[in-house]
């Protein structure tokens, strides 16, 4: 984080303000939610867009029609 120009004092101050705003029990939940969101975003960036989902294809494909049985004519 040093690329943002934030030193150790600034990081401690930001963490303290977050702790006061959200509380100690809520911070791990927020961090976990943020991590999950970032993972989902990266996964969406790396997934190919032009390959359709198999579940979408199954839902759109019509069921094969049953052929009526015909009696053999002598």
Protein backbone atom coordinates (compact mmCIF):
# COMPACT_ATOMS: atom_id res chain seq x y z
CA UNK A 1 0.00 0.00 0.00
CA UNK A 2 2.96 2.28 0.02
CA UNK A 3 2.25 3.10 -3.62
CA UNK A 4 -0.82 5.02 -2.45
CA UNK A 5 1.24 7.21 -0.15
CA UNK A 6 -0.23 5.69 3.00
CA UNK A 7 2.16 5.18 5.86
CA UNK A 8 1.71 3.05 8.95
CA UNK A 9 0.06 5.87 10.92
CA UNK A 10 -2.53 6.49 8.21
CA UNK A 11 -3.35 2.78 7.96
CA UNK A 12 -3.80 2.52 11.75
CA UNK A 13 -6.01 5.61 11.70
CA UNK A 14 -8.18 4.21 8.88
CA UNK A 15 -8.48 0.86 10.70
CA UNK A 16 -9.45 2.66 13.92
CA UNK A 17 -12.17 4.66 12.19
CA UNK A 18 -13.54 1.49 10.56
CA UNK A 19 -13.49 -0.24 13.93
CA UNK A 20 -15.47 2.60 15.48
CA UNK A 21 -17.99 2.71 12.64
CA UNK A 22 -18.68 -0.99 12.20
CA UNK A 23 -17.54 -2.68 15.41
CA UNK A 24 -15.20 -5.59 16.00
CA UNK A 25 -17.73 -8.28 15.09
CA UNK A 26 -18.70 -6.76 11.77
CA UNK A 27 -15.21 -6.08 10.32
CA UNK A 28 -14.35 -9.74 9.49
CA UNK A 29 -17.72 -10.14 7.75
CA UNK A 30 -17.09 -7.03 5.66
CA UNK A 31 -13.58 -8.16 4.76
CA UNK A 32 -14.81 -11.62 3.79
CA UNK A 33 -17.55 -10.16 1.63
CA UNK A 34 -15.07 -7.87 -0.08
CA UNK A 35 -12.70 -10.77 -0.73
CA UNK A 36 -15.50 -12.88 -2.20
CA UNK A 37 -16.59 -10.01 -4.42
CA UNK A 38 -13.06 -9.52 -5.73
CA UNK A 39 -12.68 -13.27 -6.42
CA UNK A 40 -16.00 -13.36 -8.29
CA UNK A 41 -15.00 -10.30 -10.31
CA UNK A 42 -11.64 -11.83 -11.29
CA UNK A 43 -13.34 -15.12 -12.19
CA UNK A 44 -15.82 -13.26 -14.39
CA UNK A 45 -13.00 -11.43 -16.15
CA UNK A 46 -11.17 -14.65 -17.00
CA UNK A 47 -14.19 -16.69 -18.09
CA UNK A 48 -14.83 -16.78 -21.84
CA UNK A 49 -17.97 -14.91 -22.84
CA UNK A 50 -18.63 -16.70 -26.11
CA UNK A 51 -19.03 -20.19 -24.58
CA UNK A 52 -22.64 -20.69 -23.52
CA UNK A 53 -23.43 -22.38 -20.24
CA UNK A 54 -24.47 -26.02 -20.46
CA UNK A 55 -27.39 -25.36 -18.12
CA UNK A 56 -28.63 -22.58 -20.41
CA UNK A 57 -28.41 -24.87 -23.42
CA UNK A 58 -30.36 -27.62 -21.66
CA UNK A 59 -33.07 -25.19 -20.64
CA UNK A 60 -33.47 -23.84 -24.18
CA UNK A 61 -33.31 -27.15 -26.08
CA UNK A 62 -36.73 -28.63 -26.84
CA UNK A 63 -37.38 -32.15 -25.64
CA UNK A 64 -37.28 -34.75 -28.41
CA UNK A 65 -40.75 -35.55 -29.66
CA UNK A 66 -41.92 -39.11 -29.24
CA UNK A 67 -42.61 -40.84 -32.54
CA UNK A 68 -45.97 -42.55 -32.77
CA UNK A 69 -45.79 -46.28 -33.28
CA UNK A 70 -47.25 -47.33 -36.60
CA UNK A 71 -48.75 -50.70 -37.27
CA UNK A 72 -47.11 -52.69 -40.02
CA UNK A 73 -49.37 -52.98 -43.05
CA UNK A 74 -49.25 -56.47 -44.68
